[in-house]
Amino acid sequence: MIDHETCVTTGPQEPAHVTDHTRRATLARLAGLCGLALSGEALAALAAPNQPSTSAAPEILTGDELALTGVLAELIIPKTDTPGALAVGAHRTIDHLLAVCALGPAQQSFKAGLARLDASAITHAGNRFAALPAARQTALLKAIDSASAPFTSQDQQFFRTLKQYTVFAYYTSEPGATRELAYVPIPGRFKGTVKVTRATRTWAL
């Protein structure tokens, strides 16, 4: 079993003032990098017939952890003119990736990161993260992304891992690949008749 860090790559951080659409473009490029870094095992896991459904029980996360992951994923890639991360089931794909791509310590580290974020929300904002107003949620995520108090570098690393998983889960979903990105089943022009001679070279792919 491979560690979760082989499934995704770390991308650059975007400035706080970046708009949703600019961020979407940045995340799209990051998704391409993620795709180049994927192992055969990760691709096989996503292609498996038993993909996570909206009604299935979580594989690794608890129900509360799955719900919190969904809230966080939607804040990372919110709904605009295209579906957000929650609508495409990114949180369930993340749960599936944790089950098939991450080793036990990485799974526990992710779960611990969720718990620390929720605990910090209760301590410093008076409620669990999912129940906070959107502005307060965003403020906490900016703090964790920069490892500002009350968060540490360990919390920051958890959030970066979550962002990587969210980007990958979103852009490997059908809506993410076909509605957020331009999708052509057969790239390029189809030319049905090609004159072949002894000098014609065969295709490498």
C-alpha atoms as a PDB file:
ATOM      1  CA  MET A   1       0.000   0.000   0.000  1.00  0.00           C
ATOM      2  CA  ILE A   2       1.367   3.405  -0.920  1.00  0.00           C
ATOM      3  CA  ASP A   3       1.366   6.497   1.260  1.00  0.00           C
ATOM      4  CA  HIS A   4      -1.125   9.258   0.443  1.00  0.00           C
ATOM      5  CA  GLU A   5       1.654  11.673  -0.499  1.00  0.00           C
ATOM      6  CA  THR A   6       2.365   9.617  -3.635  1.00  0.00           C
ATOM      7  CA  CYS A   7      -1.186  10.273  -4.827  1.00  0.00           C
ATOM      8  CA  VAL A   8      -0.965  14.045  -4.923  1.00  0.00           C
ATOM      9  CA  THR A   9       1.624  16.775  -5.301  1.00  0.00           C
ATOM     10  CA  THR A  10       2.006  20.014  -3.403  1.00  0.00           C
ATOM     11  CA  GLY A  11       0.988  23.097  -5.345  1.00  0.00           C
ATOM     12  CA  PRO A  12       1.683  26.759  -4.756  1.00  0.00           C
ATOM     13  CA  GLN A  13      -0.370  28.736  -2.253  1.00  0.00           C
ATOM     14  CA  GLU A  14      -2.665  31.411  -3.713  1.00  0.00           C
ATOM     15  CA  PRO A  15      -2.883  34.932  -2.287  1.00  0.00           C
ATOM     16  CA  ALA A  16      -5.870  35.718  -0.081  1.00  0.00           C
ATOM     17  CA  HIS A  17      -7.269  38.233  -2.620  1.00  0.00           C
ATOM     18  CA  VAL A  18      -7.521  35.753  -5.524  1.00  0.00           C
ATOM     19  CA  THR A  19     -11.062  35.492  -6.929  1.00  0.00           C
ATOM     20  CA  ASP A  20     -12.962  32.221  -7.171  1.00  0.00           C
ATOM     21  CA  HIS A  21     -12.522  32.007 -10.945  1.00  0.00           C
ATOM     22  CA  THR A  22      -8.805  32.805 -10.799  1.00  0.00           C
ATOM     23  CA  ARG A  23      -8.396  30.222  -8.069  1.00  0.00           C
ATOM     24  CA  ARG A  24     -10.325  27.711 -10.159  1.00  0.00           C
ATOM     25  CA  ALA A  25      -7.839  28.239 -13.014  1.00  0.00           C
ATOM     26  CA  THR A  26      -4.927  27.734 -10.611  1.00  0.00           C
ATOM     27  CA  LEU A  27      -6.500  24.599  -9.184  1.00  0.00           C
ATOM     28  CA  ALA A  28      -7.108  23.290 -12.695  1.00  0.00           C
ATOM     29  CA  ARG A  29      -3.408  23.545 -13.444  1.00  0.00           C
ATOM     30  CA  LEU A  30      -2.645  21.895 -10.103  1.00  0.00           C
ATOM     31  CA  ALA A  31      -5.014  19.074 -11.014  1.00  0.00           C
ATOM     32  CA  GLY A  32      -2.932  18.452 -14.120  1.00  0.00           C
ATOM     33  CA  LEU A  33       0.172  18.149 -11.972  1.00  0.00           C
ATOM     34  CA  CYS A  34      -1.651  15.746  -9.675  1.00  0.00           C
ATOM     35  CA  GLY A  35      -2.581  13.599 -12.641  1.00  0.00           C
ATOM     36  CA  LEU A  36       1.016  13.362 -13.789  1.00  0.00           C
ATOM     37  CA  ALA A  37       2.062  12.224 -10.316  1.00  0.00           C
ATOM     38  CA  LEU A  38      -0.559   9.504  -9.909  1.00  0.00           C
ATOM     39  CA  SER A  39       0.551   5.951  -9.380  1.00  0.00           C
ATOM     40  CA  GLY A  40      -1.111   3.002 -11.096  1.00  0.00           C
ATOM     41  CA  GLU A  41      -2.520   1.924  -7.747  1.00  0.00           C
ATOM     42  CA  ALA A  42      -4.268   5.258  -7.202  1.00  0.00           C
ATOM     43  CA  LEU A  43      -5.764   5.199 -10.698  1.00  0.00           C
ATOM     44  CA  ALA A  44      -6.917   1.624 -10.204  1.00  0.00           C
ATOM     45  CA  ALA A  45      -8.570   2.594  -6.938  1.00  0.00           C
ATOM     46  CA  LEU A  46     -10.566   5.333  -8.634  1.00  0.00           C
ATOM     47  CA  ALA A  47     -11.517   3.045 -11.520  1.00  0.00           C
ATOM     48  CA  ALA A  48     -12.723   0.277  -9.213  1.00  0.00           C
ATOM     49  CA  PRO A  49     -16.391  -0.695  -9.661  1.00  0.00           C
ATOM     50  CA  ASN A  50     -17.257  -0.118  -5.990  1.00  0.00           C
ATOM     51  CA  GLN A  51     -16.995   3.652  -6.069  1.00  0.00           C
ATOM     52  CA  PRO A  52     -18.337   5.537  -3.028  1.00  0.00           C
ATOM     53  CA  SER A  53     -22.028   6.416  -3.311  1.00  0.00           C
ATOM     54  CA  THR A  54     -24.018   9.146  -1.613  1.00  0.00           C
ATOM     55  CA  SER A  55     -25.731   6.604   0.639  1.00  0.00           C
ATOM     56  CA  ALA A  56     -22.847   4.274   1.454  1.00  0.00           C
ATOM     57  CA  ALA A  57     -21.268   4.247   4.897  1.00  0.00           C
ATOM     58  CA  PRO A  58     -17.822   5.919   5.076  1.00  0.00           C
ATOM     59  CA  GLU A  59     -14.827   3.624   4.653  1.00  0.00           C
ATOM     60  CA  ILE A  60     -12.363   5.332   7.020  1.00  0.00           C
ATOM     61  CA  LEU A  61     -13.988   8.465   8.375  1.00  0.00           C
ATOM     62  CA  THR A  62     -16.869   8.565  10.826  1.00  0.00           C
ATOM     63  CA  GLY A  63     -20.141  10.175   9.788  1.00  0.00           C
ATOM     64  CA  ASP A  64     -19.226  13.426  11.553  1.00  0.00           C
ATOM     65  CA  GLU A  65     -15.726  13.430  10.044  1.00  0.00           C
ATOM     66  CA  LEU A  66     -17.154  12.845   6.570  1.00  0.00           C
ATOM     67  CA  ALA A  67     -19.627  15.713   7.009  1.00  0.00           C
ATOM     68  CA  LEU A  68     -16.853  18.060   8.199  1.00  0.00           C
ATOM     69  CA  THR A  69     -14.672  17.034   5.248  1.00  0.00           C
ATOM     70  CA  GLY A  70     -17.572  17.940   2.954  1.00  0.00           C
ATOM     71  CA  VAL A  71     -17.908  21.395   4.511  1.00  0.00           C
ATOM     72  CA  LEU A  72     -14.166  22.004   4.182  1.00  0.00           C
ATOM     73  CA  ALA A  73     -14.018  20.736   0.595  1.00  0.00           C
ATOM     74  CA  GLU A  74     -16.868  23.076  -0.398  1.00  0.00           C
ATOM     75  CA  LEU A  75     -15.026  26.029   1.154  1.00  0.00           C
ATOM     76  CA  ILE A  76     -11.924  25.092  -0.854  1.00  0.00           C
ATOM     77  CA  ILE A  77     -13.831  24.718  -4.156  1.00  0.00           C
ATOM     78  CA  PRO A  78     -17.222  26.422  -3.716  1.00  0.00           C
ATOM     79  CA  LYS A  79     -20.144  26.352  -6.106  1.00  0.00           C
ATOM     80  CA  THR A  80     -20.023  29.092  -8.738  1.00  0.00           C
ATOM     81  CA  ASP A  81     -21.391  28.679 -12.262  1.00  0.00           C
ATOM     82  CA  THR A  82     -20.244  25.063 -11.972  1.00  0.00           C
ATOM     83  CA  PRO A  83     -20.804  22.561  -9.137  1.00  0.00           C
ATOM     84  CA  GLY A  84     -18.709  22.850  -5.996  1.00  0.00           C
ATOM     85  CA  ALA A  85     -16.726  20.094  -4.321  1.00  0.00           C
ATOM     86  CA  LEU A  86     -19.621  18.984  -2.116  1.00  0.00           C
ATOM     87  CA  ALA A  87     -21.992  18.532  -5.074  1.00  0.00           C
ATOM     88  CA  VAL A  88     -19.569  16.196  -6.856  1.00  0.00           C
ATOM     89  CA  GLY A  89     -19.030  14.100  -3.716  1.00  0.00           C
ATOM     90  CA  ALA A  90     -15.407  15.086  -3.238  1.00  0.00           C
ATOM     91  CA  HIS A  91     -15.626  14.300   0.486  1.00  0.00           C
ATOM     92  CA  ARG A  92     -16.613  10.694  -0.276  1.00  0.00           C
ATOM     93  CA  THR A  93     -13.799  10.373  -2.811  1.00  0.00           C
ATOM     94  CA  ILE A  94     -11.384  11.670  -0.159  1.00  0.00           C
ATOM     95  CA  ASP A  95     -12.661   9.024   2.250  1.00  0.00           C
ATOM     96  CA  HIS A  96     -12.131   6.396  -0.466  1.00  0.00           C
ATOM     97  CA  LEU A  97      -8.607   7.652  -1.220  1.00  0.00           C
ATOM     98  CA  LEU A  98      -7.724   7.528   2.458  1.00  0.00           C
ATOM     99  CA  ALA A  99      -8.912   3.919   2.536  1.00  0.00           C
ATOM    100  CA  VAL A 100      -7.000   2.717  -0.519  1.00  0.00           C
ATOM    101  CA  CYS A 101      -3.999   5.070  -0.851  1.00  0.00           C
ATOM    102  CA  ALA A 102      -3.043   6.018   2.698  1.00  0.00           C
ATOM    103  CA  LEU A 103      -1.259   3.942   5.306  1.00  0.00           C
ATOM    104  CA  GLY A 104      -2.588   3.737   8.848  1.00  0.00           C
ATOM    105  CA  PRO A 105      -0.473   6.610  10.259  1.00  0.00           C
ATOM    106  CA  ALA A 106      -1.567   8.925   7.421  1.00  0.00           C
ATOM    107  CA  GLN A 107      -5.219   8.000   7.976  1.00  0.00           C
ATOM    108  CA  GLN A 108      -4.952   8.740  11.684  1.00  0.00           C
ATOM    109  CA  SER A 109      -3.102  11.998  10.985  1.00  0.00           C
ATOM    110  CA  PHE A 110      -5.949  13.157   8.747  1.00  0.00           C
ATOM    111  CA  LYS A 111      -8.590  12.247  11.325  1.00  0.00           C
ATOM    112  CA  ALA A 112      -6.579  13.999  14.043  1.00  0.00           C
ATOM    113  CA  GLY A 113      -6.370  17.117  11.883  1.00  0.00           C
ATOM    114  CA  LEU A 114     -10.144  17.214  11.557  1.00  0.00           C
ATOM    115  CA  ALA A 115     -10.495  16.810  15.324  1.00  0.00           C
ATOM    116  CA  ARG A 116      -8.026  19.633  16.060  1.00  0.00           C
ATOM    117  CA  LEU A 117      -9.825  21.980  13.671  1.00  0.00           C
ATOM    118  CA  ASP A 118     -13.195  21.236  15.260  1.00  0.00           C
ATOM    119  CA  ALA A 119     -11.764  21.630  18.767  1.00  0.00           C
ATOM    120  CA  SER A 120     -10.197  24.978  17.853  1.00  0.00           C
ATOM    121  CA  ALA A 121     -13.516  26.178  16.423  1.00  0.00           C
ATOM    122  CA  ILE A 122     -15.279  25.320  19.685  1.00  0.00           C
ATOM    123  CA  THR A 123     -12.585  26.929  21.853  1.00  0.00           C
ATOM    124  CA  HIS A 124     -12.112  30.132  19.860  1.00  0.00           C
ATOM    125  CA  ALA A 125     -15.470  30.602  18.112  1.00  0.00           C
ATOM    126  CA  GLY A 126     -17.891  28.902  20.474  1.00  0.00           C
ATOM    127  CA  ASN A 127     -19.229  26.199  18.162  1.00  0.00           C
ATOM    128  CA  ARG A 128     -18.217  23.281  15.982  1.00  0.00           C
ATOM    129  CA  PHE A 129     -16.720  24.329  12.667  1.00  0.00           C
ATOM    130  CA  ALA A 130     -19.670  23.240  10.502  1.00  0.00           C
ATOM    131  CA  ALA A 131     -22.073  25.328  12.591  1.00  0.00           C
ATOM    132  CA  LEU A 132     -20.088  28.577  12.339  1.00  0.00           C
ATOM    133  CA  PRO A 133     -21.036  31.459  10.013  1.00  0.00           C
ATOM    134  CA  ALA A 134     -19.258  31.345   6.654  1.00  0.00           C
ATOM    135  CA  ALA A 135     -17.114  34.387   7.467  1.00  0.00           C
ATOM    136  CA  ARG A 136     -15.870  32.775  10.699  1.00  0.00           C
ATOM    137  CA  GLN A 137     -15.138  29.512   8.884  1.00  0.00           C
ATOM    138  CA  THR A 138     -13.110  31.367   6.270  1.00  0.00           C
ATOM    139  CA  ALA A 139     -11.170  33.241   8.945  1.00  0.00           C
ATOM    140  CA  LEU A 140     -10.235  29.976  10.659  1.00  0.00           C
ATOM    141  CA  LEU A 141      -9.142  28.416   7.370  1.00  0.00           C
ATOM    142  CA  LYS A 142      -6.933  31.420   6.604  1.00  0.00           C
ATOM    143  CA  ALA A 143      -5.371  30.996  10.035  1.00  0.00           C
ATOM    144  CA  ILE A 144      -4.743  27.286   9.608  1.00  0.00           C
ATOM    145  CA  ASP A 145      -3.396  27.813   6.081  1.00  0.00           C
ATOM    146  CA  SER A 146      -0.766  30.214   7.422  1.00  0.00           C
ATOM    147  CA  ALA A 147      -0.160  28.316  10.677  1.00  0.00           C
ATOM    148  CA  SER A 148      -1.315  31.365  12.641  1.00  0.00           C
ATOM    149  CA  ALA A 149      -2.618  31.092  16.216  1.00  0.00           C
ATOM    150  CA  PRO A 150      -4.337  28.991  17.393  1.00  0.00           C
ATOM    151  CA  PHE A 151      -2.968  26.635  14.726  1.00  0.00           C
ATOM    152  CA  THR A 152       0.469  25.056  14.352  1.00  0.00           C
ATOM    153  CA  SER A 153       2.589  23.856  11.455  1.00  0.00           C
ATOM    154  CA  GLN A 154       1.106  20.394  12.030  1.00  0.00           C
ATOM    155  CA  ASP A 155      -2.381  21.822  11.453  1.00  0.00           C
ATOM    156  CA  GLN A 156      -1.118  23.652   8.380  1.00  0.00           C
ATOM    157  CA  GLN A 157       0.234  20.410   6.927  1.00  0.00           C
ATOM    158  CA  PHE A 158      -3.115  18.705   7.515  1.00  0.00           C
ATOM    159  CA  PHE A 159      -4.946  21.497   5.678  1.00  0.00           C
ATOM    160  CA  ARG A 160      -2.540  21.356   2.750  1.00  0.00           C
ATOM    161  CA  THR A 161      -3.104  17.611   2.522  1.00  0.00           C
ATOM    162  CA  LEU A 162      -6.852  18.206   2.572  1.00  0.00           C
ATOM    163  CA  LYS A 163      -6.533  20.766  -0.240  1.00  0.00           C
ATOM    164  CA  GLN A 164      -4.517  18.327  -2.327  1.00  0.00           C
ATOM    165  CA  TYR A 165      -7.089  15.597  -1.839  1.00  0.00           C
ATOM    166  CA  THR A 166      -9.938  18.009  -2.623  1.00  0.00           C
ATOM    167  CA  VAL A 167      -8.365  19.220  -5.864  1.00  0.00           C
ATOM    168  CA  PHE A 168      -7.718  15.670  -7.002  1.00  0.00           C
ATOM    169  CA  ALA A 169     -11.184  14.447  -6.013  1.00  0.00           C
ATOM    170  CA  TYR A 170     -12.886  17.373  -7.740  1.00  0.00           C
ATOM    171  CA  TYR A 171     -11.039  17.253 -11.036  1.00  0.00           C
ATOM    172  CA  THR A 172     -11.318  13.483 -11.378  1.00  0.00           C
ATOM    173  CA  SER A 173     -15.098  13.696 -10.945  1.00  0.00           C
ATOM    174  CA  GLU A 174     -17.259  13.795 -14.083  1.00  0.00           C
ATOM    175  CA  PRO A 175     -18.567  17.353 -13.434  1.00  0.00           C
ATOM    176  CA  GLY A 176     -15.087  18.599 -12.560  1.00  0.00           C
ATOM    177  CA  ALA A 177     -13.578  17.079 -15.689  1.00  0.00           C
ATOM    178  CA  THR A 178     -16.365  17.935 -18.141  1.00  0.00           C
ATOM    179  CA  ARG A 179     -18.040  21.108 -16.810  1.00  0.00           C
ATOM    180  CA  GLU A 180     -15.229  22.886 -14.975  1.00  0.00           C
ATOM    181  CA  LEU A 181     -12.590  21.826 -17.508  1.00  0.00           C
ATOM    182  CA  ALA A 182     -12.842  21.519 -21.299  1.00  0.00           C
ATOM    183  CA  TYR A 183     -13.186  17.859 -22.206  1.00  0.00           C
ATOM    184  CA  VAL A 184     -12.665  16.278 -25.603  1.00  0.00           C
ATOM    185  CA  PRO A 185     -13.107  12.474 -25.693  1.00  0.00           C
ATOM    186  CA  ILE A 186     -10.835  12.220 -28.753  1.00  0.00           C
ATOM    187  CA  PRO A 187      -8.458  15.213 -28.841  1.00  0.00           C
ATOM    188  CA  GLY A 188      -7.538  16.589 -32.245  1.00  0.00           C
ATOM    189  CA  ARG A 189      -9.117  16.163 -35.670  1.00  0.00           C
ATOM    190  CA  PHE A 190     -10.155  12.711 -36.857  1.00  0.00           C
ATOM    191  CA  LYS A 191      -8.825  11.866 -40.302  1.00  0.00           C
ATOM    192  CA  GLY A 192     -10.322   8.608 -41.481  1.00  0.00           C
ATOM    193  CA  THR A 193      -8.199   8.073 -44.608  1.00  0.00           C
ATOM    194  CA  VAL A 194      -4.413   8.297 -44.371  1.00  0.00           C
ATOM    195  CA  LYS A 195      -2.147   7.359 -47.256  1.00  0.00           C
ATOM    196  CA  VAL A 196       0.400   4.826 -46.045  1.00  0.00           C
ATOM    197  CA  THR A 197       3.760   4.273 -47.761  1.00  0.00           C
ATOM    198  CA  ARG A 198       6.917   2.414 -46.821  1.00  0.00           C
ATOM    199  CA  ALA A 199       8.193   5.686 -45.342  1.00  0.00           C
ATOM    200  CA  THR A 200       5.134   6.201 -43.085  1.00  0.00           C
ATOM    201  CA  ARG A 201       6.038   6.145 -39.428  1.00  0.00           C
ATOM    202  CA  THR A 202       3.838   4.407 -36.867  1.00  0.00           C
ATOM    203  CA  TRP A 203       2.492   6.267 -33.843  1.00  0.00           C
ATOM    204  CA  ALA A 204       4.320   6.001 -30.549  1.00  0.00           C
ATOM    205  CA  LEU A 205       1.019   5.917 -28.621  1.00  0.00           C
END
